[in-house]
Amino acid sequence: MVTLVGGTFNSFHRGHEKLLRAAYRTGERVIIGVTSDAYVKSHKEKIVSYSKRVASVRKFMGKLTDDYEIHPLDSAFGNTLDIEKANLVVSPETYHSARRINERRIETGKEPLNVIRIPYVLAEDLFPISSSRILDGELTRTGRRRVPVKIAISTFNDLKISAAGEFIKTIMKNYTLIQNRDYRTDSEQPFGEDTMRYATTRAMYGLRDNDYSIGIESGLFYNRINDTYYDLHYCVIIDRYSHITSGFGSGFEMPVAVIDAIKSGKSTNQFVENMYGIQRIGHSEGISGLISGGTVTRSKLIFEAVRNAFIPRMRPDIYGREFRP
């Protein structure tokens, strides 16, 4: 079967490679539509000439097969309304065009094309690679950031900065952490949903012109089954496109004496300082480290919460909610 694929292929990058590779693997013959200069100018400001874009496509396809054709595209439909039967490979960005094509084909009595949707290829910053970002000087063609990813964390606690950084360095190389102290929450010891609300508030305060803003809050969650409170760290991440993800760290049962102290108006730090003489425990091992003999420190719990909040961003296609700019 013939496979159709179309695009601008402006500043040829890894996302284009994935699209063309999928077309090659799903069809006996590949027909590639490359948008003409006149058509591109109607909806893009920065463009590479048609001849250079075609040359990039030919260079890549030559590594895969000789059985392909390239035609200029002067409209969103190209020859997709004329061909009798074919696959159509699209990205999330062009999926809406595929739906319009099939709607028009059905109206004219033709069989819908078999649409194959390929997920975005993500850059180092976990946003999709795009030609516009490359032409703007933000990315290389392979998705590496030319300028650091700016990540704000709203906190006065340096432990949150270091713990979050421990995870972020596993997924990004070129980044900078920005400590935002300009924020306000209503309590030092939130309960239940207030924990999530305060973490979100922290993240909102830090967004500004950054790529990401992170809010981390620890709170107590009540378990009705055994009449017990659990301590959980909750992380909220808001990105520059206003997408929000969140995640919890591991929860552990809090001692009754701590809960009673908190209900009487004391903070966890105050309880530990009064009982054990340890100052600012929330800035070091945390009460989890004290209880577990140092095997489960607060740093590890923050690391988990930040990691889990980033997980939906690593494979958003699996979640069915790709973070399109």
Protein backbone atom coordinates (compact mmCIF):
# COMPACT_ATOMS: atom_id res chain seq x y z
CA MET A 1 0.00 0.00 0.00
CA VAL A 2 1.07 3.57 -0.66
CA THR A 3 1.90 5.73 2.34
CA LEU A 4 1.45 9.49 2.22
CA VAL A 5 3.28 11.98 4.42
CA GLY A 6 3.46 15.73 4.18
CA GLY A 7 5.08 18.63 5.91
CA THR A 8 7.13 21.77 5.67
CA PHE A 9 10.35 20.09 6.85
CA ASN A 10 11.71 23.48 7.85
CA SER A 11 15.10 23.06 9.60
CA PHE A 12 15.10 19.28 9.25
CA HIS A 13 15.27 17.63 12.69
CA ARG A 14 14.75 14.38 14.61
CA GLY A 15 10.98 14.76 14.57
CA HIS A 16 11.01 14.82 10.77
CA GLU A 17 13.23 11.74 10.76
CA LYS A 18 10.74 9.84 12.91
CA LEU A 19 7.86 10.88 10.65
CA LEU A 20 9.61 9.75 7.47
CA ARG A 21 10.88 6.55 9.05
CA ALA A 22 7.31 5.66 10.05
CA ALA A 23 6.14 6.30 6.48
CA TYR A 24 8.86 4.03 5.12
CA ARG A 25 7.97 1.22 7.52
CA THR A 26 4.22 1.31 6.82
CA GLY A 27 4.10 1.49 3.04
CA GLU A 28 5.43 -0.25 -0.05
CA ARG A 29 5.91 3.15 -1.68
CA VAL A 30 6.16 6.54 -0.01
CA ILE A 31 4.76 9.75 -1.47
CA ILE A 32 6.08 12.82 0.31
CA GLY A 33 4.48 16.23 0.04
CA VAL A 34 6.74 19.18 0.83
CA THR A 35 4.97 22.51 1.18
CA SER A 36 5.85 25.09 -1.46
CA ASP A 37 7.50 28.38 -0.55
CA ALA A 38 4.35 30.30 -1.45
CA TYR A 39 2.17 28.10 0.79
CA VAL A 40 4.62 28.22 3.69
CA LYS A 41 4.86 32.01 3.59
CA SER A 42 1.13 32.22 4.24
CA HIS A 43 1.49 30.76 7.75
CA LYS A 44 5.17 30.84 8.78
CA GLU A 45 7.52 33.78 9.27
CA LYS A 46 10.90 32.05 9.07
CA ILE A 47 11.38 29.57 6.26
CA VAL A 48 14.13 27.62 4.55
CA SER A 49 13.83 27.52 0.76
CA TYR A 50 11.88 24.70 -0.91
CA SER A 51 14.99 23.40 -2.69
CA LYS A 52 16.95 23.12 0.59
CA ARG A 53 14.02 21.49 2.38
CA VAL A 54 13.62 18.93 -0.39
CA ALA A 55 17.36 18.25 -0.36
CA SER A 56 17.21 17.47 3.36
CA VAL A 57 14.32 15.07 2.83
CA ARG A 58 16.10 13.34 -0.08
CA LYS A 59 19.29 12.98 1.93
CA PHE A 60 17.47 11.21 4.75
CA MET A 61 15.21 9.06 2.56
CA GLY A 62 18.22 7.95 0.57
CA LYS A 63 19.40 6.11 3.66
CA LEU A 64 16.14 4.15 3.79
CA THR A 65 14.90 3.46 0.26
CA ASP A 66 14.84 4.55 -3.37
CA ASP A 67 11.11 3.87 -3.68
CA TYR A 68 9.71 7.29 -2.86
CA GLU A 69 8.42 10.41 -4.58
CA ILE A 70 8.47 14.06 -3.55
CA HIS A 71 5.83 16.52 -4.72
CA PRO A 72 5.20 20.18 -3.86
CA LEU A 73 2.24 20.87 -1.57
CA ASP A 74 0.20 23.99 -2.30
CA SER A 75 -2.68 23.22 0.07
CA ALA A 76 -3.47 21.25 3.22
CA PHE A 77 -5.10 18.50 1.12
CA GLY A 78 -2.50 17.92 -1.61
CA ASN A 79 -3.44 14.76 -3.55
CA THR A 80 -5.05 13.07 -0.53
CA LEU A 81 -8.55 13.50 -1.99
CA ASP A 82 -7.66 11.84 -5.30
CA ILE A 83 -5.82 8.69 -4.26
CA GLU A 84 -8.03 5.64 -3.81
CA LYS A 85 -6.43 3.92 -0.83
CA ALA A 86 -3.43 4.79 1.30
CA ASN A 87 -1.88 5.22 4.72
CA LEU A 88 -1.40 8.76 5.96
CA VAL A 89 1.35 9.40 8.51
CA VAL A 90 0.90 12.53 10.62
CA SER A 91 2.29 14.20 13.74
CA PRO A 92 0.08 15.52 16.57
CA GLU A 93 0.50 18.95 14.99
CA THR A 94 -1.06 17.84 11.68
CA TYR A 95 -3.55 15.30 13.04
CA HIS A 96 -6.41 17.81 12.76
CA SER A 97 -5.66 18.12 9.01
CA ALA A 98 -5.91 14.33 8.65
CA ARG A 99 -9.37 14.42 10.21
CA ARG A 100 -10.45 17.14 7.77
CA ILE A 101 -9.09 15.10 4.87
CA ASN A 102 -11.06 12.01 5.87
CA GLU A 103 -14.22 14.02 6.45
CA ARG A 104 -13.92 15.41 2.92
CA ARG A 105 -13.19 11.95 1.48
CA ILE A 106 -16.27 10.50 3.17
CA GLU A 107 -18.38 13.36 1.77
CA THR A 108 -17.21 12.45 -1.74
CA GLY A 109 -17.83 8.73 -1.25
CA LYS A 110 -14.22 7.66 -0.84
CA GLU A 111 -12.82 5.33 1.79
CA PRO A 112 -11.05 7.14 4.65
CA LEU A 113 -7.29 7.01 4.68
CA ASN A 114 -5.64 4.88 7.34
CA VAL A 115 -4.23 7.56 9.63
CA ILE A 116 -1.05 6.69 11.55
CA ARG A 117 -0.30 9.25 14.26
CA ILE A 118 3.33 9.56 15.37
CA PRO A 119 4.04 11.17 18.75
CA TYR A 120 6.18 14.26 19.12
CA VAL A 121 9.92 13.84 19.51
CA LEU A 122 10.86 15.69 22.66
CA ALA A 123 13.81 17.99 23.10
CA GLU A 124 16.09 17.97 26.12
CA ASP A 125 13.62 20.27 27.92
CA LEU A 126 10.75 17.77 27.35
CA PHE A 127 8.97 20.15 24.96
CA PRO A 128 8.52 19.03 21.33
CA ILE A 129 11.34 19.71 18.89
CA SER A 130 10.19 22.19 16.29
CA SER A 131 11.72 24.04 13.37
CA SER A 132 10.66 27.38 14.82
CA ARG A 133 12.52 26.70 18.05
CA ILE A 134 15.62 25.72 16.05
CA LEU A 135 15.42 28.84 13.87
CA ASP A 136 14.95 30.98 17.00
CA GLY A 137 18.25 29.63 18.32
CA GLU A 138 16.77 27.80 21.31
CA LEU A 139 17.56 24.25 20.16
CA THR A 140 19.98 22.27 18.05
CA ARG A 141 18.51 20.01 15.37
CA THR A 142 18.91 17.05 17.73
CA GLY A 143 16.92 18.75 20.50
CA ARG A 144 19.71 19.97 22.76
CA ARG A 145 19.13 23.32 24.41
CA ARG A 146 21.46 26.09 23.28
CA VAL A 147 20.32 28.21 26.23
CA PRO A 148 19.77 26.73 29.70
CA VAL A 149 16.34 25.43 30.70
CA LYS A 150 15.19 27.87 33.39
CA ILE A 151 13.57 26.05 36.33
CA ALA A 152 12.25 28.05 39.28
CA ILE A 153 11.58 26.47 42.69
CA SER A 154 9.62 28.52 45.22
CA THR A 155 11.14 27.83 48.61
CA PHE A 156 13.33 29.18 51.41
CA ASN A 157 14.63 25.65 52.01
CA ASP A 158 17.89 24.87 50.19
CA LEU A 159 17.21 21.15 50.65
CA LYS A 160 14.34 21.36 48.17
CA ILE A 161 16.65 22.98 45.63
CA SER A 162 19.35 20.33 45.98
CA ALA A 163 16.92 17.38 46.08
CA ALA A 164 15.02 18.59 43.01
CA GLY A 165 18.33 19.18 41.25
CA GLU A 166 19.40 15.60 41.94
CA PHE A 167 16.53 14.35 39.81
CA ILE A 168 16.57 17.05 37.14
CA LYS A 169 20.21 16.35 36.31
CA THR A 170 19.21 12.80 35.34
CA ILE A 171 16.99 14.06 32.50
CA MET A 172 18.56 17.38 31.45
CA LYS A 173 22.11 18.63 30.96
CA ASN A 174 21.78 22.32 30.18
CA TYR A 175 19.61 23.85 32.89
CA THR A 176 19.70 26.36 35.71
CA LEU A 177 17.79 26.28 39.01
CA ILE A 178 16.34 29.55 40.24
CA GLN A 179 15.32 29.89 43.89
CA ASN A 180 12.19 32.02 44.17
CA ARG A 181 11.58 33.47 47.63
CA ASP A 182 8.73 35.73 46.55
CA TYR A 183 5.69 33.64 47.49
CA ARG A 184 3.23 33.18 50.33
CA THR A 185 1.21 30.27 51.76
CA ASP A 186 -1.27 30.29 54.64
CA SER A 187 0.31 27.65 56.87
CA GLU A 188 3.62 25.92 57.63
CA GLN A 189 1.85 22.60 58.26
CA PRO A 190 -0.96 21.95 55.77
CA PHE A 191 -3.44 19.07 56.00
CA GLY A 192 -4.96 17.09 53.11
CA GLU A 193 -5.97 19.10 50.05
CA ASP A 194 -4.34 22.25 51.41
CA THR A 195 -1.01 20.53 50.75
CA MET A 196 -1.81 20.32 47.04
CA ARG A 197 -3.17 23.86 46.98
CA TYR A 198 -0.07 25.33 48.61
CA ALA A 199 2.25 23.43 46.27
CA THR A 200 0.29 24.80 43.32
CA THR A 201 0.47 28.31 44.75
CA ARG A 202 4.24 28.02 45.10
CA ALA A 203 4.56 26.89 41.47
CA MET A 204 2.36 29.73 40.21
CA TYR A 205 4.43 32.34 42.03
CA GLY A 206 7.65 31.16 40.38
CA LEU A 207 6.56 30.78 36.73
CA ARG A 208 7.18 34.27 35.33
CA ASP A 209 9.42 33.96 32.24
CA ASN A 210 10.87 30.58 33.23
CA ASP A 211 10.48 27.30 31.33
CA TYR A 212 9.28 25.47 34.43
CA SER A 213 8.18 26.40 37.91
CA ILE A 214 8.12 23.86 40.74
CA GLY A 215 6.20 23.94 44.00
CA ILE A 216 6.89 21.34 46.70
CA GLU A 217 4.86 21.00 49.88
CA SER A 218 4.72 18.35 52.60
CA GLY A 219 1.43 17.73 54.38
CA LEU A 220 -0.54 15.33 56.50
CA PHE A 221 -3.18 13.07 54.97
CA TYR A 222 -5.69 11.24 57.11
CA ASN A 223 -6.31 7.51 56.63
CA ARG A 224 -9.79 6.64 57.91
CA ILE A 225 -9.09 2.90 57.77
CA ASN A 226 -6.70 2.91 60.71
CA ASP A 227 -7.30 6.42 62.09
CA THR A 228 -3.74 7.46 61.21
CA TYR A 229 -2.05 10.44 59.56
CA TYR A 230 0.55 10.00 56.83
CA ASP A 231 3.18 12.52 55.80
CA LEU A 232 3.42 13.02 52.04
CA HIS A 233 5.44 15.35 49.82
CA TYR A 234 3.52 16.75 46.87
CA CYS A 235 5.12 18.40 43.85
CA VAL A 236 3.43 20.58 41.21
CA ILE A 237 5.13 21.55 37.96
CA ILE A 238 3.81 24.31 35.70
CA ASP A 239 5.55 24.95 32.39
CA ARG A 240 5.72 27.99 30.12
CA TYR A 241 2.76 26.71 28.11
CA SER A 242 0.62 26.50 31.30
CA HIS A 243 0.57 22.68 31.35
CA ILE A 244 0.44 21.26 34.88
CA THR A 245 1.63 17.91 36.21
CA SER A 246 2.02 16.68 39.77
CA GLY A 247 3.35 13.79 41.83
CA PHE A 248 3.61 12.42 45.35
CA GLY A 249 6.61 11.08 47.20
CA SER A 250 6.38 8.01 49.43
CA GLY A 251 4.09 8.39 52.41
CA PHE A 252 4.88 7.22 55.93
CA GLU A 253 2.87 7.04 59.14
CA MET A 254 3.42 9.96 61.50
CA PRO A 255 3.76 9.25 65.27
CA VAL A 256 0.71 10.18 67.33
CA ALA A 257 2.80 12.48 69.52
CA VAL A 258 3.77 14.55 66.47
CA ILE A 259 0.16 14.79 65.30
CA ASP A 260 -0.97 15.90 68.75
CA ALA A 261 1.73 18.57 68.83
CA ILE A 262 0.72 19.84 65.40
CA LYS A 263 -2.95 19.97 66.36
CA SER A 264 -1.98 22.02 69.40
CA GLY A 265 -0.39 24.63 67.13
CA LYS A 266 3.23 23.49 66.92
CA SER A 267 5.10 22.65 63.73
CA THR A 268 6.95 19.40 63.14
CA ASN A 269 10.23 21.30 63.44
CA GLN A 270 9.19 22.71 66.82
CA PHE A 271 8.19 19.28 68.11
CA VAL A 272 11.48 17.68 67.09
CA GLU A 273 13.52 20.57 68.44
CA ASN A 274 11.73 20.46 71.81
CA MET A 275 11.78 16.66 72.11
CA TYR A 276 15.18 15.78 70.61
CA GLY A 277 17.08 19.06 70.50
CA ILE A 278 17.51 18.89 66.71
CA GLN A 279 17.10 22.27 65.05
CA ARG A 280 15.73 22.89 61.54
CA ILE A 281 15.25 19.19 60.87
CA GLY A 282 13.09 20.05 57.84
CA HIS A 283 16.22 21.51 56.24
CA SER A 284 18.23 18.33 56.74
CA GLU A 285 17.16 14.69 57.13
CA GLY A 286 13.55 15.53 58.00
CA ILE A 287 11.45 13.68 60.52
CA SER A 288 11.44 10.72 58.11
CA GLY A 289 15.22 10.47 58.55
CA LEU A 290 14.87 10.61 62.33
CA ILE A 291 12.19 7.91 62.40
CA SER A 292 13.90 5.61 59.87
CA GLY A 293 17.42 5.92 61.24
CA GLY A 294 18.53 7.84 58.15
CA THR A 295 17.36 5.26 55.61
CA VAL A 296 14.52 7.44 54.30
CA THR A 297 15.58 11.08 54.37
CA ARG A 298 13.50 14.07 53.41
CA SER A 299 15.78 14.61 50.44
CA LYS A 300 14.79 11.20 49.05
CA LEU A 301 11.08 11.97 49.49
CA ILE A 302 11.42 15.30 47.69
CA PHE A 303 13.40 13.56 44.91
CA GLU A 304 10.53 11.06 44.50
CA ALA A 305 7.85 13.75 44.39
CA VAL A 306 9.72 15.77 41.73
CA ARG A 307 10.47 12.63 39.70
CA ASN A 308 6.85 11.50 39.80
CA ALA A 309 5.62 14.94 38.76
CA PHE A 310 7.89 14.81 35.70
CA ILE A 311 6.84 11.28 34.66
CA PRO A 312 3.78 12.32 32.57
CA ARG A 313 6.06 14.68 30.64
CA MET A 314 8.46 11.93 29.58
CA ARG A 315 5.90 9.97 27.51
CA PRO A 316 2.86 12.25 27.23
CA ASP A 317 1.63 10.25 24.23
CA ILE A 318 0.95 7.29 26.54
CA TYR A 319 -1.16 9.54 28.73
CA GLY A 320 -3.08 10.76 25.68
CA ARG A 321 -2.32 14.41 26.45
CA GLU A 322 0.71 15.48 24.48
CA PHE A 323 2.00 18.86 25.63
CA ARG A 324 1.68 20.77 22.41
CA PRO A 325 3.08 24.32 22.44
